[in-house]
């Protein structure tokens, strides 16, 4: 399949920009998108503004389609790379394959596990992620996130297809006193004015 230049840019603050890019490079933190249906000037985008950039087959997408969640027993490795699961700061989970993920890079390409979705590939902005796991750990992250979603208290299903109604959701607050990823509440002050916990 030929990769298109049709893109859906999702900003870190939840805004969405659809259009065409001619100058995107994963090695340069700035590029331009010509908005769909507008004859105006291209919009300049910087990686630090974004959550991810979705390269899509169509800018309209299919609002009624449900993306396949998780990996569905897919192979550990394909020609598109090793399994990877990404949980974004807004709670969204995306599963797929990558050849290029390293935590030091600003971003990396992910090929969706659901090969029939509108997304051909996704450029994930590392700073917008909360958790990224590759290989067998990716399956564990996906299973955990999907189990939590069934309980109604964690990551929503992937809703990244262009054209779908989507609004970012805040990650749930952890139980008081429980901080699974180091992002829990600040301990209450003690009677002597110092904070409890490791100091």
N, C-alpha and C. Protein backbone atom coordinates (compact mmCIF):
# COMPACT_ATOMS: atom_id res chain seq x y z
N UNK A 1 0.84 -1.19 0.00
CA UNK A 1 0.00 0.00 0.00
C UNK A 1 0.89 1.24 0.00
N UNK A 2 0.55 2.19 -0.82
CA UNK A 2 1.32 3.43 -0.88
C UNK A 2 0.91 4.34 0.28
N UNK A 3 1.91 4.84 0.99
CA UNK A 3 1.64 5.73 2.12
C UNK A 3 1.24 7.10 1.59
N UNK A 4 0.12 7.61 2.09
CA UNK A 4 -0.38 8.90 1.60
C UNK A 4 0.24 10.04 2.40
N UNK A 5 0.03 11.25 1.90
CA UNK A 5 0.44 12.46 2.61
C UNK A 5 -0.75 13.12 3.30
N UNK A 6 -1.90 12.39 3.32
CA UNK A 6 -3.06 12.89 4.06
C UNK A 6 -2.80 12.66 5.54
N UNK A 7 -2.99 13.70 6.33
CA UNK A 7 -2.67 13.58 7.75
C UNK A 7 -3.76 14.17 8.63
N UNK A 8 -3.85 13.63 9.82
CA UNK A 8 -4.67 14.19 10.89
C UNK A 8 -3.71 14.48 12.04
N UNK A 9 -3.51 15.76 12.31
CA UNK A 9 -2.62 16.17 13.39
C UNK A 9 -3.45 16.37 14.65
N UNK A 10 -3.08 15.66 15.69
CA UNK A 10 -3.77 15.81 16.97
C UNK A 10 -2.84 16.55 17.92
N UNK A 11 -3.28 17.74 18.30
CA UNK A 11 -2.51 18.56 19.22
C UNK A 11 -2.57 17.97 20.63
N UNK A 12 -1.60 18.30 21.44
CA UNK A 12 -1.58 17.85 22.83
C UNK A 12 -2.77 18.40 23.61
N UNK A 13 -3.32 19.55 23.20
CA UNK A 13 -4.46 20.14 23.92
C UNK A 13 -5.81 19.67 23.38
N UNK A 14 -5.81 18.69 22.45
CA UNK A 14 -7.06 18.13 21.96
C UNK A 14 -7.54 18.64 20.62
N UNK A 15 -6.96 19.74 20.13
CA UNK A 15 -7.36 20.25 18.82
C UNK A 15 -6.95 19.27 17.72
N UNK A 16 -7.65 19.38 16.57
CA UNK A 16 -7.37 18.49 15.44
C UNK A 16 -7.23 19.33 14.18
N UNK A 17 -6.23 18.99 13.36
CA UNK A 17 -6.04 19.65 12.07
C UNK A 17 -5.89 18.57 11.01
N UNK A 18 -6.75 18.62 9.98
CA UNK A 18 -6.70 17.65 8.89
C UNK A 18 -6.21 18.33 7.63
N UNK A 19 -5.41 17.61 6.86
CA UNK A 19 -4.93 18.19 5.61
C UNK A 19 -3.86 17.34 4.96
N UNK A 20 -2.96 18.02 4.24
CA UNK A 20 -1.90 17.35 3.49
C UNK A 20 -0.56 17.94 3.90
N UNK A 21 0.44 17.07 4.05
CA UNK A 21 1.78 17.56 4.32
C UNK A 21 2.72 17.13 3.20
N UNK A 22 3.64 18.00 2.86
CA UNK A 22 4.62 17.70 1.82
C UNK A 22 6.05 17.72 2.35
N UNK A 23 6.22 18.15 3.60
CA UNK A 23 7.59 18.33 4.09
C UNK A 23 7.85 17.69 5.46
N UNK A 24 7.04 16.67 5.81
CA UNK A 24 7.24 16.03 7.12
C UNK A 24 8.50 15.17 7.10
N UNK A 25 9.27 15.27 8.16
CA UNK A 25 10.44 14.41 8.37
C UNK A 25 10.52 14.08 9.85
N UNK A 26 10.71 12.79 10.20
CA UNK A 26 10.81 12.44 11.62
C UNK A 26 12.07 13.00 12.28
N UNK A 27 13.01 13.46 11.48
CA UNK A 27 14.27 13.98 12.01
C UNK A 27 14.29 15.49 12.16
N UNK A 28 13.18 16.13 11.82
CA UNK A 28 13.10 17.59 11.91
C UNK A 28 11.83 17.93 12.69
N UNK A 29 11.93 18.69 13.71
CA UNK A 29 10.81 18.94 14.61
C UNK A 29 9.79 19.94 14.14
N UNK A 30 9.82 20.30 12.87
CA UNK A 30 8.88 21.28 12.33
C UNK A 30 8.47 20.87 10.92
N UNK A 31 7.18 21.06 10.59
CA UNK A 31 6.68 20.74 9.26
C UNK A 31 5.41 21.56 9.02
N UNK A 32 4.80 21.38 7.85
CA UNK A 32 3.62 22.17 7.48
C UNK A 32 2.48 21.28 7.03
N UNK A 33 1.25 21.72 7.31
CA UNK A 33 0.05 21.03 6.85
C UNK A 33 -0.82 22.03 6.11
N UNK A 34 -1.23 21.66 4.89
CA UNK A 34 -2.20 22.46 4.13
C UNK A 34 -3.58 21.96 4.53
N UNK A 35 -4.37 22.77 5.24
CA UNK A 35 -5.68 22.31 5.73
C UNK A 35 -6.61 21.87 4.62
N UNK A 36 -7.43 20.85 4.91
CA UNK A 36 -8.36 20.32 3.92
C UNK A 36 -9.41 21.36 3.55
N UNK A 37 -9.75 21.39 2.28
CA UNK A 37 -10.83 22.24 1.81
C UNK A 37 -10.60 23.73 1.93
N UNK A 38 -9.37 24.14 2.18
CA UNK A 38 -9.08 25.56 2.31
C UNK A 38 -7.96 25.93 1.34
N UNK A 39 -8.08 27.06 0.72
CA UNK A 39 -7.04 27.50 -0.19
C UNK A 39 -6.02 28.39 0.48
N UNK A 40 -6.09 28.47 1.81
CA UNK A 40 -5.20 29.37 2.54
C UNK A 40 -3.80 28.82 2.67
N UNK A 41 -3.02 29.51 3.46
CA UNK A 41 -1.62 29.13 3.64
C UNK A 41 -1.49 27.90 4.54
N UNK A 42 -0.37 27.24 4.38
CA UNK A 42 -0.09 26.07 5.19
C UNK A 42 0.11 26.47 6.65
N UNK A 43 -0.25 25.56 7.55
CA UNK A 43 -0.08 25.78 8.98
C UNK A 43 1.23 25.14 9.41
N UNK A 44 2.04 25.89 10.12
CA UNK A 44 3.31 25.36 10.62
C UNK A 44 3.07 24.62 11.94
N UNK A 45 3.58 23.41 12.03
CA UNK A 45 3.42 22.61 13.23
C UNK A 45 4.79 22.22 13.77
N UNK A 46 4.86 22.12 15.09
CA UNK A 46 6.08 21.67 15.76
C UNK A 46 5.74 20.44 16.59
N UNK A 47 6.69 19.51 16.66
CA UNK A 47 6.46 18.28 17.40
C UNK A 47 5.97 18.56 18.81
N UNK A 48 6.56 19.58 19.47
CA UNK A 48 6.24 19.84 20.87
C UNK A 48 4.78 20.27 21.08
N UNK A 49 4.08 20.65 19.99
CA UNK A 49 2.67 21.02 20.09
C UNK A 49 1.75 19.81 20.03
N UNK A 50 2.27 18.66 19.56
CA UNK A 50 1.41 17.55 19.16
C UNK A 50 1.40 16.38 20.11
N UNK A 51 0.33 15.61 19.98
CA UNK A 51 0.22 14.29 20.60
C UNK A 51 0.72 13.24 19.60
N UNK A 52 0.23 13.33 18.37
CA UNK A 52 0.63 12.39 17.33
C UNK A 52 0.17 12.92 15.97
N UNK A 53 0.80 12.38 14.92
CA UNK A 53 0.42 12.72 13.55
C UNK A 53 0.00 11.42 12.88
N UNK A 54 -1.26 11.37 12.42
CA UNK A 54 -1.82 10.17 11.81
C UNK A 54 -1.81 10.31 10.29
N UNK A 55 -1.11 9.41 9.62
CA UNK A 55 -1.13 9.35 8.16
C UNK A 55 -2.28 8.43 7.79
N UNK A 56 -3.27 8.96 7.06
CA UNK A 56 -4.53 8.24 6.87
C UNK A 56 -4.83 7.98 5.40
N UNK A 57 -5.72 7.02 5.16
CA UNK A 57 -6.18 6.73 3.80
C UNK A 57 -7.20 7.74 3.35
N UNK A 58 -7.99 8.24 4.28
CA UNK A 58 -9.05 9.19 3.97
C UNK A 58 -9.18 10.20 5.11
N UNK A 59 -9.46 11.45 4.76
CA UNK A 59 -9.63 12.48 5.79
C UNK A 59 -11.02 12.43 6.42
N UNK A 60 -11.95 11.72 5.79
CA UNK A 60 -13.29 11.62 6.35
C UNK A 60 -13.42 10.45 7.31
N UNK A 61 -12.70 9.37 7.05
CA UNK A 61 -12.75 8.21 7.94
C UNK A 61 -14.13 7.58 7.95
N UNK A 62 -14.39 6.77 8.97
CA UNK A 62 -15.67 6.08 9.12
C UNK A 62 -16.08 6.19 10.58
N UNK A 63 -17.01 7.09 10.85
CA UNK A 63 -17.39 7.36 12.24
C UNK A 63 -18.07 6.18 12.93
N UNK A 64 -18.59 5.22 12.16
CA UNK A 64 -19.30 4.10 12.78
C UNK A 64 -18.40 2.90 13.02
N UNK A 65 -17.20 2.90 12.47
CA UNK A 65 -16.31 1.75 12.60
C UNK A 65 -15.66 1.70 13.97
N UNK A 66 -15.59 0.51 14.54
CA UNK A 66 -14.90 0.32 15.82
C UNK A 66 -13.53 -0.29 15.54
N UNK A 67 -12.48 0.38 15.94
CA UNK A 67 -11.13 -0.17 15.76
C UNK A 67 -10.96 -1.43 16.59
N UNK A 68 -10.18 -2.36 16.07
CA UNK A 68 -9.82 -3.54 16.83
C UNK A 68 -8.88 -3.10 17.94
N UNK A 69 -9.12 -3.58 19.14
CA UNK A 69 -8.32 -3.16 20.29
C UNK A 69 -7.30 -4.24 20.63
N UNK A 70 -6.13 -3.84 21.07
CA UNK A 70 -5.10 -4.78 21.44
C UNK A 70 -4.42 -5.40 20.23
N UNK A 71 -3.92 -6.61 20.40
CA UNK A 71 -3.14 -7.26 19.35
C UNK A 71 -3.82 -8.46 18.70
N UNK A 72 -4.81 -9.06 19.36
CA UNK A 72 -5.51 -10.23 18.84
C UNK A 72 -4.56 -11.35 18.41
N UNK A 73 -3.65 -11.70 19.29
CA UNK A 73 -2.72 -12.82 19.04
C UNK A 73 -1.88 -12.63 17.79
N UNK A 74 -1.58 -11.40 17.43
CA UNK A 74 -0.70 -11.15 16.29
C UNK A 74 0.71 -11.63 16.59
N UNK A 75 1.55 -11.77 15.57
CA UNK A 75 2.92 -12.23 15.79
C UNK A 75 3.73 -11.23 16.60
N UNK A 76 4.76 -11.72 17.28
CA UNK A 76 5.61 -10.85 18.09
C UNK A 76 6.35 -9.83 17.23
N UNK A 77 6.67 -10.24 16.00
CA UNK A 77 7.44 -9.36 15.13
C UNK A 77 6.98 -9.56 13.69
N UNK A 78 6.91 -8.47 12.93
CA UNK A 78 6.56 -8.53 11.52
C UNK A 78 7.58 -7.69 10.75
N UNK A 79 7.38 -7.56 9.43
CA UNK A 79 8.28 -6.72 8.65
C UNK A 79 8.16 -5.26 9.06
N UNK A 80 7.10 -4.91 9.80
CA UNK A 80 6.93 -3.54 10.30
C UNK A 80 7.52 -3.35 11.68
N UNK A 81 8.16 -4.40 12.21
CA UNK A 81 8.86 -4.26 13.48
C UNK A 81 8.29 -5.10 14.60
N UNK A 82 8.67 -4.72 15.83
CA UNK A 82 8.23 -5.42 17.03
C UNK A 82 6.95 -4.81 17.56
N UNK A 83 6.23 -5.63 18.33
CA UNK A 83 5.01 -5.14 18.96
C UNK A 83 5.33 -3.97 19.88
N UNK A 84 4.41 -3.00 19.89
CA UNK A 84 4.56 -1.86 20.79
C UNK A 84 3.17 -1.40 21.22
N UNK A 85 3.05 -1.03 22.48
CA UNK A 85 1.80 -0.48 23.00
C UNK A 85 2.11 0.88 23.59
N UNK A 86 1.27 1.85 23.25
CA UNK A 86 1.48 3.24 23.69
C UNK A 86 0.25 3.71 24.44
N UNK A 87 0.46 4.19 25.66
CA UNK A 87 -0.61 4.82 26.42
C UNK A 87 -0.28 6.30 26.53
N UNK A 88 -1.17 7.13 25.97
CA UNK A 88 -0.96 8.57 25.96
C UNK A 88 -1.39 9.19 27.28
N UNK A 89 -0.96 10.43 27.48
CA UNK A 89 -1.29 11.15 28.71
C UNK A 89 -2.79 11.38 28.87
N UNK A 90 -3.53 11.39 27.74
CA UNK A 90 -4.99 11.57 27.83
C UNK A 90 -5.71 10.25 28.05
N UNK A 91 -4.97 9.14 28.19
CA UNK A 91 -5.58 7.85 28.47
C UNK A 91 -5.74 6.95 27.26
N UNK A 92 -5.59 7.46 26.04
CA UNK A 92 -5.79 6.64 24.86
C UNK A 92 -4.69 5.59 24.72
N UNK A 93 -5.08 4.39 24.28
CA UNK A 93 -4.15 3.29 24.05
C UNK A 93 -4.12 2.98 22.56
N UNK A 94 -2.91 2.86 22.00
CA UNK A 94 -2.74 2.43 20.61
C UNK A 94 -1.73 1.30 20.59
N UNK A 95 -2.06 0.23 19.87
CA UNK A 95 -1.18 -0.92 19.74
C UNK A 95 -0.75 -1.08 18.29
N UNK A 96 0.48 -1.53 18.09
CA UNK A 96 0.95 -1.73 16.73
C UNK A 96 2.35 -2.29 16.70
N UNK A 97 3.07 -1.92 15.65
CA UNK A 97 4.43 -2.41 15.43
C UNK A 97 5.34 -1.23 15.09
N UNK A 98 6.58 -1.32 15.49
CA UNK A 98 7.52 -0.25 15.18
C UNK A 98 8.92 -0.79 14.91
N UNK A 99 9.64 -0.07 14.08
CA UNK A 99 11.03 -0.38 13.78
C UNK A 99 11.97 0.60 14.48
N UNK A 100 11.40 1.69 15.02
CA UNK A 100 12.27 2.81 15.37
C UNK A 100 12.11 3.39 16.77
N UNK A 101 11.46 2.70 17.69
CA UNK A 101 11.25 3.33 19.00
C UNK A 101 12.49 3.26 19.88
N UNK A 102 12.88 4.42 20.36
CA UNK A 102 13.83 4.54 21.47
C UNK A 102 13.36 5.72 22.31
N UNK A 103 13.45 5.62 23.62
CA UNK A 103 12.89 6.68 24.47
C UNK A 103 13.58 8.03 24.32
N UNK A 104 14.78 8.04 23.76
CA UNK A 104 15.51 9.30 23.63
C UNK A 104 15.04 10.15 22.46
N UNK A 105 14.35 9.56 21.50
CA UNK A 105 13.94 10.31 20.30
C UNK A 105 12.67 11.10 20.55
N UNK A 106 12.49 12.19 19.80
CA UNK A 106 11.30 13.02 19.96
C UNK A 106 10.03 12.30 19.56
N UNK A 107 10.16 11.38 18.62
CA UNK A 107 8.99 10.65 18.15
C UNK A 107 9.39 9.40 17.40
N UNK A 108 8.40 8.59 17.04
CA UNK A 108 8.66 7.36 16.31
C UNK A 108 7.41 6.94 15.54
N UNK A 109 7.61 6.16 14.48
CA UNK A 109 6.50 5.65 13.69
C UNK A 109 5.96 4.36 14.28
N UNK A 110 4.65 4.24 14.27
CA UNK A 110 3.94 3.05 14.71
C UNK A 110 2.99 2.64 13.59
N UNK A 111 3.00 1.36 13.22
CA UNK A 111 2.04 0.83 12.24
C UNK A 111 0.95 0.13 13.04
N UNK A 112 -0.32 0.54 12.89
CA UNK A 112 -1.39 -0.01 13.73
C UNK A 112 -1.53 -1.52 13.60
N UNK A 113 -1.83 -2.18 14.73
CA UNK A 113 -2.09 -3.61 14.74
C UNK A 113 -3.33 -3.93 13.92
N UNK A 114 -4.30 -3.02 13.93
CA UNK A 114 -5.52 -3.18 13.13
C UNK A 114 -5.23 -2.69 11.71
N UNK A 115 -4.88 -3.61 10.83
CA UNK A 115 -4.44 -3.24 9.48
C UNK A 115 -5.58 -2.74 8.59
N UNK A 116 -6.82 -2.92 9.02
CA UNK A 116 -7.94 -2.46 8.19
C UNK A 116 -8.46 -1.08 8.61
N UNK A 117 -7.81 -0.45 9.59
CA UNK A 117 -8.28 0.87 10.03
C UNK A 117 -7.82 1.95 9.04
N UNK A 118 -8.32 3.15 9.23
CA UNK A 118 -8.02 4.27 8.33
C UNK A 118 -6.58 4.76 8.49
N UNK A 119 -5.98 4.50 9.64
CA UNK A 119 -4.61 4.94 9.90
C UNK A 119 -3.61 4.02 9.21
N UNK A 120 -2.78 4.59 8.35
CA UNK A 120 -1.75 3.79 7.69
C UNK A 120 -0.52 3.67 8.58
N UNK A 121 -0.13 4.77 9.20
CA UNK A 121 0.96 4.79 10.17
C UNK A 121 0.75 6.01 11.04
N UNK A 122 1.38 5.99 12.20
CA UNK A 122 1.20 7.06 13.18
C UNK A 122 2.57 7.49 13.66
N UNK A 123 2.82 8.79 13.64
CA UNK A 123 4.04 9.31 14.23
C UNK A 123 3.69 9.76 15.63
N UNK A 124 4.17 9.01 16.62
CA UNK A 124 3.86 9.26 18.03
C UNK A 124 4.90 10.23 18.60
N UNK A 125 4.43 11.26 19.28
CA UNK A 125 5.31 12.21 19.95
C UNK A 125 5.61 11.66 21.36
N UNK A 126 6.86 11.36 21.63
CA UNK A 126 7.25 10.71 22.87
C UNK A 126 6.80 11.49 24.11
N UNK A 127 6.90 12.81 24.07
CA UNK A 127 6.54 13.63 25.23
C UNK A 127 5.05 13.55 25.57
N UNK A 128 4.22 13.12 24.61
CA UNK A 128 2.77 13.02 24.84
C UNK A 128 2.37 11.67 25.41
N UNK A 129 3.34 10.78 25.62
CA UNK A 129 3.02 9.44 26.11
C UNK A 129 3.21 9.36 27.62
N UNK A 130 2.43 8.48 28.21
CA UNK A 130 2.56 8.20 29.64
C UNK A 130 3.34 6.90 29.83
N UNK A 131 3.15 5.96 28.89
CA UNK A 131 3.78 4.65 29.00
C UNK A 131 3.95 4.06 27.61
N UNK A 132 5.13 3.53 27.33
CA UNK A 132 5.41 2.86 26.06
C UNK A 132 6.12 1.55 26.38
N UNK A 133 5.59 0.45 25.85
CA UNK A 133 6.20 -0.86 26.09
C UNK A 133 6.35 -1.58 24.76
N UNK A 134 7.50 -2.26 24.60
CA UNK A 134 7.77 -3.01 23.38
C UNK A 134 7.95 -4.48 23.69
N UNK A 135 7.76 -5.34 22.66
CA UNK A 135 7.93 -6.77 22.83
C UNK A 135 6.85 -7.36 23.73
N UNK A 136 7.18 -8.40 24.52
CA UNK A 136 6.19 -9.05 25.38
C UNK A 136 5.54 -8.08 26.38
N UNK A 137 6.29 -7.06 26.82
CA UNK A 137 5.72 -6.08 27.74
C UNK A 137 4.59 -5.28 27.11
N UNK A 138 4.60 -5.16 25.77
CA UNK A 138 3.53 -4.44 25.07
C UNK A 138 2.21 -5.18 25.24
N UNK A 139 2.25 -6.50 25.15
CA UNK A 139 1.03 -7.30 25.32
C UNK A 139 0.48 -7.12 26.73
N UNK A 140 1.37 -7.10 27.71
CA UNK A 140 0.93 -6.94 29.10
C UNK A 140 0.28 -5.58 29.32
N UNK A 141 0.90 -4.53 28.75
CA UNK A 141 0.31 -3.19 28.88
C UNK A 141 -1.06 -3.15 28.22
N UNK A 142 -1.18 -3.72 27.02
CA UNK A 142 -2.47 -3.72 26.31
C UNK A 142 -3.52 -4.48 27.11
N UNK A 143 -3.17 -5.64 27.63
CA UNK A 143 -4.13 -6.43 28.41
C UNK A 143 -4.57 -5.68 29.66
N UNK A 144 -3.61 -5.05 30.34
CA UNK A 144 -3.94 -4.30 31.55
C UNK A 144 -4.85 -3.12 31.24
N UNK A 145 -4.50 -2.37 30.19
CA UNK A 145 -5.31 -1.19 29.83
C UNK A 145 -6.71 -1.59 29.39
N UNK A 146 -6.82 -2.67 28.63
CA UNK A 146 -8.14 -3.12 28.17
C UNK A 146 -8.97 -3.66 29.32
N UNK A 147 -8.33 -4.35 30.26
CA UNK A 147 -9.05 -4.85 31.43
C UNK A 147 -9.57 -3.68 32.26
N UNK A 148 -8.75 -2.64 32.44
CA UNK A 148 -9.18 -1.46 33.18
C UNK A 148 -10.31 -0.74 32.47
N UNK A 149 -10.24 -0.71 31.13
CA UNK A 149 -11.29 -0.04 30.35
C UNK A 149 -12.63 -0.75 30.52
N UNK A 150 -12.58 -2.08 30.63
CA UNK A 150 -13.82 -2.84 30.84
C UNK A 150 -14.44 -2.47 32.18
N UNK A 151 -13.58 -2.17 33.16
CA UNK A 151 -14.08 -1.77 34.47
C UNK A 151 -14.59 -0.33 34.45
N UNK A 152 -14.26 0.39 33.37
CA UNK A 152 -14.71 1.77 33.24
C UNK A 152 -13.86 2.77 33.98
N UNK A 153 -12.59 2.39 34.29
CA UNK A 153 -11.79 3.33 35.08
C UNK A 153 -10.43 3.63 34.47
N UNK A 154 -10.27 3.39 33.15
CA UNK A 154 -8.95 3.69 32.58
C UNK A 154 -9.04 3.96 31.11
N UNK A 155 -7.96 3.58 30.39
CA UNK A 155 -7.76 4.00 29.01
C UNK A 155 -8.93 3.67 28.10
N UNK A 156 -9.42 4.64 27.34
CA UNK A 156 -10.46 4.38 26.37
C UNK A 156 -9.88 3.65 25.18
N UNK A 157 -10.77 3.07 24.38
CA UNK A 157 -10.30 2.42 23.17
C UNK A 157 -9.72 3.45 22.22
N UNK A 158 -8.96 2.96 21.26
CA UNK A 158 -8.37 3.87 20.28
C UNK A 158 -9.48 4.51 19.46
N UNK A 159 -9.47 5.85 19.42
CA UNK A 159 -10.47 6.57 18.63
C UNK A 159 -9.75 7.55 17.72
N UNK A 160 -8.68 7.08 17.12
CA UNK A 160 -7.83 7.97 16.36
C UNK A 160 -8.16 8.03 14.88
N UNK A 161 -9.11 7.19 14.42
CA UNK A 161 -9.47 7.23 13.02
C UNK A 161 -9.97 8.62 12.66
N UNK A 162 -9.55 9.15 11.53
CA UNK A 162 -10.00 10.47 11.11
C UNK A 162 -11.51 10.45 10.95
N UNK A 163 -12.16 11.51 11.38
CA UNK A 163 -13.60 11.64 11.20
C UNK A 163 -14.39 11.19 12.41
N UNK A 164 -13.78 10.51 13.34
CA UNK A 164 -14.52 10.06 14.51
C UNK A 164 -14.59 11.19 15.53
N UNK A 165 -15.72 11.26 16.22
CA UNK A 165 -15.83 12.24 17.29
C UNK A 165 -14.91 11.80 18.41
N UNK A 166 -14.08 12.68 18.87
CA UNK A 166 -13.11 12.32 19.91
C UNK A 166 -12.77 13.54 20.72
N UNK A 167 -12.77 13.36 22.01
CA UNK A 167 -12.32 14.42 22.90
C UNK A 167 -11.39 13.79 23.91
N UNK A 168 -10.31 14.48 24.25
CA UNK A 168 -9.38 13.90 25.22
C UNK A 168 -10.04 13.73 26.57
N UNK A 169 -9.68 12.66 27.26
CA UNK A 169 -10.17 12.43 28.61
C UNK A 169 -8.98 12.47 29.55
N UNK A 170 -9.22 13.01 30.71
CA UNK A 170 -8.15 13.03 31.70
C UNK A 170 -8.00 11.63 32.27
N UNK A 171 -6.77 11.26 32.56
CA UNK A 171 -6.53 9.97 33.19
C UNK A 171 -7.20 9.98 34.55
N UNK A 172 -7.70 8.81 34.99
CA UNK A 172 -8.38 8.76 36.28
C UNK A 172 -7.41 9.06 37.42
N UNK A 173 -7.95 9.61 38.49
CA UNK A 173 -7.11 9.87 39.65
C UNK A 173 -6.85 8.55 40.37
N UNK A 174 -5.62 8.33 40.79
CA UNK A 174 -5.35 7.11 41.53
C UNK A 174 -5.99 7.13 42.90
N UNK A 175 -6.14 5.95 43.51
CA UNK A 175 -6.70 5.87 44.86
C UNK A 175 -5.79 6.63 45.82
N UNK A 176 -6.36 7.28 46.83
CA UNK A 176 -5.52 8.01 47.77
C UNK A 176 -4.47 7.09 48.37
N UNK A 177 -3.25 7.59 48.42
CA UNK A 177 -2.17 6.81 48.98
C UNK A 177 -1.57 5.80 48.02
N UNK A 178 -2.13 5.67 46.83
CA UNK A 178 -1.61 4.69 45.86
C UNK A 178 -1.17 5.44 44.61
N UNK A 179 0.11 5.34 44.28
CA UNK A 179 0.66 6.06 43.13
C UNK A 179 1.35 5.08 42.20
N UNK A 180 0.60 4.41 41.28
CA UNK A 180 1.17 3.34 40.47
C UNK A 180 2.33 3.76 39.60
N UNK A 181 2.36 4.96 39.11
CA UNK A 181 3.44 5.35 38.21
C UNK A 181 4.21 6.57 38.71
N UNK A 182 4.08 6.87 39.98
CA UNK A 182 4.76 8.03 40.52
C UNK A 182 4.01 9.32 40.26
N UNK A 183 2.75 9.22 39.81
CA UNK A 183 1.98 10.42 39.50
C UNK A 183 0.81 10.57 40.47
N UNK A 184 0.97 10.07 41.66
CA UNK A 184 -0.12 10.11 42.63
C UNK A 184 -0.21 11.43 43.35
N UNK A 185 -1.12 11.52 44.31
CA UNK A 185 -1.30 12.77 45.06
C UNK A 185 -0.13 13.02 45.99
N UNK A 186 0.07 14.27 46.34
CA UNK A 186 1.11 14.64 47.29
C UNK A 186 0.67 14.20 48.68
N UNK A 187 1.58 13.56 49.45
CA UNK A 187 1.18 13.12 50.80
C UNK A 187 0.75 14.31 51.65
N UNK A 188 -0.19 14.09 52.58
CA UNK A 188 -0.65 15.19 53.45
C UNK A 188 0.46 15.58 54.43
N UNK A 189 0.44 16.84 54.90
CA UNK A 189 1.45 17.27 55.86
C UNK A 189 1.26 16.58 57.20
N UNK A 190 2.38 16.36 57.89
CA UNK A 190 2.31 15.80 59.24
C UNK A 190 2.03 16.91 60.24
N UNK A 191 1.82 16.52 61.48
CA UNK A 191 1.51 17.53 62.49
C UNK A 191 2.66 18.48 62.74
N UNK A 192 3.91 18.03 62.45
CA UNK A 192 5.05 18.91 62.66
C UNK A 192 5.34 19.79 61.43
N UNK A 193 4.45 19.72 60.42
CA UNK A 193 4.60 20.57 59.25
C UNK A 193 5.35 19.92 58.09
N UNK A 194 6.04 18.78 58.38
CA UNK A 194 6.75 18.08 57.30
C UNK A 194 5.80 17.13 56.59
N UNK A 195 6.16 16.76 55.36
CA UNK A 195 5.31 15.85 54.61
C UNK A 195 5.66 14.40 54.95
N UNK A 196 4.64 13.54 54.90
CA UNK A 196 4.86 12.12 55.14
C UNK A 196 5.44 11.49 53.91
N UNK A 197 5.86 10.25 54.02
CA UNK A 197 6.42 9.56 52.86
C UNK A 197 7.92 9.63 52.88
N UNK A 198 8.55 9.15 51.81
CA UNK A 198 9.99 9.14 51.74
C UNK A 198 10.52 10.55 51.57
N UNK A 199 11.40 10.96 52.46
CA UNK A 199 11.95 12.31 52.40
C UNK A 199 13.44 12.26 52.52
